[in-house]
Amino acid sequence: MILINLKFTVKPELADQWMDAVAKYTADVRSEEGNMFFEWYQPVEGEKNEYFLLEGFTDEGAKAHVESPHFQEGIDAMKPLLAKTPQIISEQISADGFGPMGEIQIDE
């Protein structure tokens, strides 16, 4: 699995437009065959113009993702709203997705 964490810093005056600007891209990526998850977050504390993206792809899906037509369309939609270059952590990991946390177990 390829696990990707991205941090986007949006121009403060455009921060409320971010989710609308990335809505089509988000839907397109979530419909990709190799996409496992694609989730946007904002910090509870800190800057309201920061958005974090947590992505998971199958090994094959990650390559197809960056080669898809909507990948460039998504970049083109994001770029005018950004205050600085996004920061990324991208790693291939042995997990196949989320699993239960060992330190907290809840009987369901």
N, C-alpha and C. Protein backbone atom coordinates (compact mmCIF):
# COMPACT_ATOMS: atom_id res chain seq x y z
N MET A 1 0.84 -1.17 0.00
CA MET A 1 0.00 0.00 0.00
C MET A 1 0.89 1.24 0.00
N ILE A 2 0.48 2.25 -0.75
CA ILE A 2 1.16 3.54 -0.73
C ILE A 2 0.35 4.46 0.18
N LEU A 3 0.97 4.98 1.22
CA LEU A 3 0.34 5.90 2.15
C LEU A 3 0.91 7.29 1.91
N ILE A 4 0.04 8.24 1.66
CA ILE A 4 0.45 9.61 1.35
C ILE A 4 -0.23 10.56 2.31
N ASN A 5 0.57 11.45 2.90
CA ASN A 5 0.08 12.53 3.75
C ASN A 5 0.52 13.84 3.12
N LEU A 6 -0.42 14.72 2.89
CA LEU A 6 -0.11 16.02 2.29
C LEU A 6 -0.61 17.15 3.17
N LYS A 7 0.15 18.23 3.21
CA LYS A 7 -0.24 19.43 3.95
C LYS A 7 -0.31 20.58 2.95
N PHE A 8 -1.50 21.17 2.84
CA PHE A 8 -1.73 22.30 1.93
C PHE A 8 -1.97 23.55 2.76
N THR A 9 -1.24 24.62 2.45
CA THR A 9 -1.47 25.91 3.07
C THR A 9 -2.11 26.81 2.03
N VAL A 10 -3.36 27.17 2.28
CA VAL A 10 -4.16 27.95 1.35
C VAL A 10 -4.05 29.42 1.71
N LYS A 11 -4.13 30.28 0.70
CA LYS A 11 -4.17 31.72 0.97
C LYS A 11 -5.31 31.98 1.94
N PRO A 12 -5.07 32.69 3.04
CA PRO A 12 -6.11 32.86 4.06
C PRO A 12 -7.43 33.40 3.52
N GLU A 13 -7.37 34.31 2.59
CA GLU A 13 -8.60 34.90 2.06
C GLU A 13 -9.36 33.94 1.14
N LEU A 14 -8.75 32.81 0.76
CA LEU A 14 -9.39 31.83 -0.13
C LEU A 14 -9.67 30.50 0.58
N ALA A 15 -9.35 30.42 1.86
CA ALA A 15 -9.47 29.14 2.58
C ALA A 15 -10.88 28.57 2.56
N ASP A 16 -11.89 29.41 2.59
CA ASP A 16 -13.26 28.90 2.60
C ASP A 16 -13.70 28.38 1.22
N GLN A 17 -12.89 28.58 0.19
CA GLN A 17 -13.20 28.09 -1.15
C GLN A 17 -12.53 26.75 -1.45
N TRP A 18 -11.63 26.31 -0.59
CA TRP A 18 -10.81 25.14 -0.86
C TRP A 18 -11.62 23.88 -1.16
N MET A 19 -12.53 23.52 -0.29
CA MET A 19 -13.26 22.27 -0.46
C MET A 19 -14.12 22.27 -1.72
N ASP A 20 -14.67 23.40 -2.07
CA ASP A 20 -15.42 23.49 -3.33
C ASP A 20 -14.48 23.32 -4.53
N ALA A 21 -13.29 23.90 -4.42
CA ALA A 21 -12.32 23.84 -5.52
C ALA A 21 -11.82 22.41 -5.76
N VAL A 22 -11.75 21.61 -4.71
CA VAL A 22 -11.23 20.24 -4.85
C VAL A 22 -12.33 19.17 -4.88
N ALA A 23 -13.57 19.58 -4.89
CA ALA A 23 -14.69 18.62 -4.81
C ALA A 23 -14.70 17.63 -5.98
N LYS A 24 -14.57 18.11 -7.19
CA LYS A 24 -14.61 17.22 -8.36
C LYS A 24 -13.40 16.27 -8.34
N TYR A 25 -12.23 16.83 -8.04
CA TYR A 25 -11.02 16.02 -7.97
C TYR A 25 -11.17 14.93 -6.91
N THR A 26 -11.69 15.30 -5.76
CA THR A 26 -11.89 14.34 -4.67
C THR A 26 -12.80 13.20 -5.12
N ALA A 27 -13.91 13.54 -5.74
CA ALA A 27 -14.85 12.51 -6.21
C ALA A 27 -14.19 11.62 -7.27
N ASP A 28 -13.44 12.22 -8.18
CA ASP A 28 -12.76 11.44 -9.22
C ASP A 28 -11.75 10.47 -8.63
N VAL A 29 -10.97 10.94 -7.67
CA VAL A 29 -9.95 10.07 -7.06
C VAL A 29 -10.61 8.94 -6.28
N ARG A 30 -11.65 9.26 -5.53
CA ARG A 30 -12.33 8.23 -4.75
C ARG A 30 -12.93 7.14 -5.63
N SER A 31 -13.20 7.45 -6.89
CA SER A 31 -13.78 6.45 -7.79
C SER A 31 -12.71 5.62 -8.51
N GLU A 32 -11.44 5.93 -8.32
CA GLU A 32 -10.37 5.16 -8.94
C GLU A 32 -10.33 3.75 -8.37
N GLU A 33 -10.06 2.79 -9.23
CA GLU A 33 -10.03 1.39 -8.81
C GLU A 33 -9.01 1.13 -7.70
N GLY A 34 -7.85 1.74 -7.75
CA GLY A 34 -6.81 1.48 -6.77
C GLY A 34 -6.83 2.38 -5.55
N ASN A 35 -7.84 3.24 -5.43
CA ASN A 35 -7.93 4.12 -4.27
C ASN A 35 -8.54 3.38 -3.09
N MET A 36 -7.87 3.45 -1.94
CA MET A 36 -8.37 2.81 -0.73
C MET A 36 -9.07 3.82 0.17
N PHE A 37 -8.53 5.03 0.24
CA PHE A 37 -9.16 6.13 0.96
C PHE A 37 -8.53 7.44 0.51
N PHE A 38 -9.29 8.51 0.65
CA PHE A 38 -8.87 9.84 0.21
C PHE A 38 -9.67 10.81 1.07
N GLU A 39 -9.06 11.31 2.15
CA GLU A 39 -9.79 12.06 3.18
C GLU A 39 -9.12 13.39 3.50
N TRP A 40 -9.93 14.43 3.51
CA TRP A 40 -9.46 15.78 3.86
C TRP A 40 -9.70 16.05 5.34
N TYR A 41 -8.77 16.78 5.96
CA TYR A 41 -8.87 17.15 7.37
C TYR A 41 -8.35 18.57 7.57
N GLN A 42 -8.85 19.19 8.63
CA GLN A 42 -8.30 20.46 9.09
C GLN A 42 -7.90 20.29 10.54
N PRO A 43 -6.83 20.96 10.97
CA PRO A 43 -6.42 20.82 12.37
C PRO A 43 -7.46 21.43 13.32
N VAL A 44 -7.65 20.79 14.44
CA VAL A 44 -8.56 21.31 15.46
C VAL A 44 -7.97 22.59 16.04
N GLU A 45 -6.67 22.59 16.21
CA GLU A 45 -5.96 23.77 16.70
C GLU A 45 -5.03 24.23 15.59
N GLY A 46 -4.79 25.49 15.49
CA GLY A 46 -3.85 25.97 14.49
C GLY A 46 -4.53 26.78 13.41
N GLU A 47 -3.89 26.84 12.28
CA GLU A 47 -4.32 27.69 11.18
C GLU A 47 -5.55 27.12 10.47
N LYS A 48 -6.53 27.96 10.25
CA LYS A 48 -7.76 27.54 9.56
C LYS A 48 -7.58 27.50 8.05
N ASN A 49 -6.40 27.90 7.57
CA ASN A 49 -6.13 27.83 6.14
C ASN A 49 -5.21 26.65 5.79
N GLU A 50 -5.08 25.70 6.71
CA GLU A 50 -4.32 24.49 6.45
C GLU A 50 -5.28 23.33 6.24
N TYR A 51 -5.00 22.53 5.23
CA TYR A 51 -5.77 21.33 4.94
C TYR A 51 -4.80 20.17 4.82
N PHE A 52 -5.18 19.06 5.40
CA PHE A 52 -4.38 17.85 5.33
C PHE A 52 -5.14 16.80 4.54
N LEU A 53 -4.41 16.05 3.75
CA LEU A 53 -5.01 15.00 2.93
C LEU A 53 -4.32 13.68 3.25
N LEU A 54 -5.12 12.69 3.59
CA LEU A 54 -4.62 11.34 3.87
C LEU A 54 -5.11 10.45 2.74
N GLU A 55 -4.17 9.86 2.02
CA GLU A 55 -4.50 9.03 0.85
C GLU A 55 -3.90 7.64 1.02
N GLY A 56 -4.63 6.66 0.54
CA GLY A 56 -4.12 5.29 0.49
C GLY A 56 -4.45 4.69 -0.87
N PHE A 57 -3.45 4.09 -1.48
CA PHE A 57 -3.62 3.46 -2.79
C PHE A 57 -2.98 2.08 -2.77
N THR A 58 -3.55 1.19 -3.58
CA THR A 58 -2.84 -0.06 -3.84
C THR A 58 -1.57 0.31 -4.59
N ASP A 59 -0.60 -0.57 -4.58
CA ASP A 59 0.66 -0.29 -5.27
C ASP A 59 0.42 0.06 -6.74
N GLU A 60 -0.45 -0.68 -7.39
CA GLU A 60 -0.76 -0.42 -8.80
C GLU A 60 -1.58 0.86 -8.96
N GLY A 61 -2.45 1.11 -7.99
CA GLY A 61 -3.34 2.27 -8.06
C GLY A 61 -2.63 3.60 -7.97
N ALA A 62 -1.52 3.65 -7.25
CA ALA A 62 -0.80 4.91 -7.10
C ALA A 62 -0.25 5.40 -8.43
N LYS A 63 0.30 4.51 -9.22
CA LYS A 63 0.84 4.89 -10.53
C LYS A 63 -0.29 5.36 -11.45
N ALA A 64 -1.39 4.61 -11.48
CA ALA A 64 -2.53 4.99 -12.31
C ALA A 64 -3.10 6.34 -11.88
N HIS A 65 -3.06 6.62 -10.59
CA HIS A 65 -3.58 7.88 -10.05
C HIS A 65 -2.85 9.08 -10.65
N VAL A 66 -1.52 9.07 -10.58
CA VAL A 66 -0.76 10.23 -11.07
C VAL A 66 -0.77 10.34 -12.60
N GLU A 67 -1.14 9.26 -13.27
CA GLU A 67 -1.22 9.29 -14.73
C GLU A 67 -2.63 9.59 -15.24
N SER A 68 -3.59 9.74 -14.33
CA SER A 68 -4.97 9.99 -14.73
C SER A 68 -5.15 11.44 -15.19
N PRO A 69 -6.08 11.69 -16.11
CA PRO A 69 -6.33 13.07 -16.56
C PRO A 69 -6.79 13.99 -15.43
N HIS A 70 -7.56 13.44 -14.49
CA HIS A 70 -8.06 14.31 -13.41
C HIS A 70 -6.97 14.69 -12.41
N PHE A 71 -5.84 13.99 -12.42
CA PHE A 71 -4.74 14.38 -11.52
C PHE A 71 -4.26 15.79 -11.87
N GLN A 72 -3.97 16.05 -13.14
CA GLN A 72 -3.53 17.39 -13.55
C GLN A 72 -4.65 18.41 -13.37
N GLU A 73 -5.88 18.02 -13.63
CA GLU A 73 -7.02 18.92 -13.42
C GLU A 73 -7.11 19.33 -11.96
N GLY A 74 -6.86 18.39 -11.05
CA GLY A 74 -6.89 18.68 -9.62
C GLY A 74 -5.79 19.66 -9.24
N ILE A 75 -4.59 19.44 -9.75
CA ILE A 75 -3.48 20.36 -9.49
C ILE A 75 -3.81 21.75 -10.00
N ASP A 76 -4.37 21.82 -11.20
CA ASP A 76 -4.74 23.11 -11.78
C ASP A 76 -5.79 23.83 -10.94
N ALA A 77 -6.71 23.08 -10.33
CA ALA A 77 -7.74 23.68 -9.48
C ALA A 77 -7.15 24.18 -8.16
N MET A 78 -6.17 23.47 -7.63
CA MET A 78 -5.58 23.80 -6.33
C MET A 78 -4.60 24.98 -6.40
N LYS A 79 -3.78 24.97 -7.41
CA LYS A 79 -2.62 25.88 -7.45
C LYS A 79 -2.95 27.35 -7.22
N PRO A 80 -4.00 27.93 -7.82
CA PRO A 80 -4.26 29.36 -7.60
C PRO A 80 -4.65 29.71 -6.16
N LEU A 81 -5.08 28.72 -5.39
CA LEU A 81 -5.51 28.97 -4.02
C LEU A 81 -4.39 28.80 -2.99
N LEU A 82 -3.25 28.25 -3.41
CA LEU A 82 -2.19 27.90 -2.48
C LEU A 82 -1.29 29.08 -2.12
N ALA A 83 -0.93 29.15 -0.84
CA ALA A 83 -0.02 30.18 -0.35
C ALA A 83 1.43 29.74 -0.46
N LYS A 84 1.66 28.42 -0.45
CA LYS A 84 3.03 27.90 -0.59
C LYS A 84 2.98 26.47 -1.10
N THR A 85 4.14 25.95 -1.42
CA THR A 85 4.27 24.60 -1.96
C THR A 85 3.77 23.58 -0.93
N PRO A 86 2.89 22.66 -1.35
CA PRO A 86 2.43 21.62 -0.42
C PRO A 86 3.60 20.76 0.06
N GLN A 87 3.44 20.21 1.26
CA GLN A 87 4.43 19.33 1.86
C GLN A 87 3.88 17.91 1.83
N ILE A 88 4.75 16.92 1.58
CA ILE A 88 4.29 15.55 1.38
C ILE A 88 5.14 14.55 2.14
N ILE A 89 4.48 13.50 2.61
CA ILE A 89 5.12 12.28 3.09
C ILE A 89 4.47 11.17 2.28
N SER A 90 5.27 10.41 1.55
CA SER A 90 4.75 9.33 0.72
C SER A 90 5.61 8.09 0.97
N GLU A 91 4.99 7.03 1.44
CA GLU A 91 5.74 5.82 1.78
C GLU A 91 4.98 4.57 1.35
N GLN A 92 5.72 3.59 0.91
CA GLN A 92 5.14 2.27 0.69
C GLN A 92 5.21 1.53 2.01
N ILE A 93 4.07 1.03 2.45
CA ILE A 93 4.03 0.33 3.74
C ILE A 93 3.45 -1.07 3.54
N SER A 94 3.64 -1.92 4.52
CA SER A 94 3.19 -3.31 4.39
C SER A 94 1.72 -3.51 4.73
N ALA A 95 1.07 -2.52 5.28
CA ALA A 95 -0.35 -2.66 5.65
C ALA A 95 -1.24 -2.69 4.42
N ASP A 96 -2.41 -3.26 4.58
CA ASP A 96 -3.41 -3.29 3.52
C ASP A 96 -4.58 -2.36 3.85
N GLY A 97 -4.37 -1.40 4.73
CA GLY A 97 -5.42 -0.49 5.17
C GLY A 97 -5.37 -0.35 6.68
N PHE A 98 -6.42 0.22 7.23
CA PHE A 98 -6.48 0.41 8.67
C PHE A 98 -6.75 -0.90 9.37
N GLY A 99 -6.22 -1.02 10.58
CA GLY A 99 -6.47 -2.17 11.44
C GLY A 99 -6.77 -1.69 12.85
N PRO A 100 -7.19 -2.58 13.73
CA PRO A 100 -7.53 -2.17 15.09
C PRO A 100 -6.30 -1.70 15.87
N MET A 101 -6.50 -0.71 16.70
CA MET A 101 -5.45 -0.19 17.58
C MET A 101 -5.28 -1.15 18.75
N GLY A 102 -4.05 -1.58 19.00
CA GLY A 102 -3.78 -2.55 20.05
C GLY A 102 -3.98 -2.01 21.44
N GLU A 103 -3.72 -0.72 21.65
CA GLU A 103 -3.78 -0.14 23.00
C GLU A 103 -5.19 0.15 23.47
N ILE A 104 -6.14 0.24 22.57
CA ILE A 104 -7.54 0.48 22.95
C ILE A 104 -8.41 -0.54 22.25
N GLN A 105 -9.06 -1.34 23.00
CA GLN A 105 -9.98 -2.35 22.46
C GLN A 105 -11.39 -2.09 22.99
N ILE A 106 -12.35 -2.05 22.10
CA ILE A 106 -13.74 -1.82 22.47
C ILE A 106 -14.54 -3.04 22.06
N ASP A 107 -15.29 -3.61 23.00
CA ASP A 107 -16.16 -4.73 22.66
C ASP A 107 -17.36 -4.18 21.91
N GLU A 108 -17.54 -4.67 20.72
CA GLU A 108 -18.65 -4.17 19.89
C GLU A 108 -19.76 -5.18 19.82
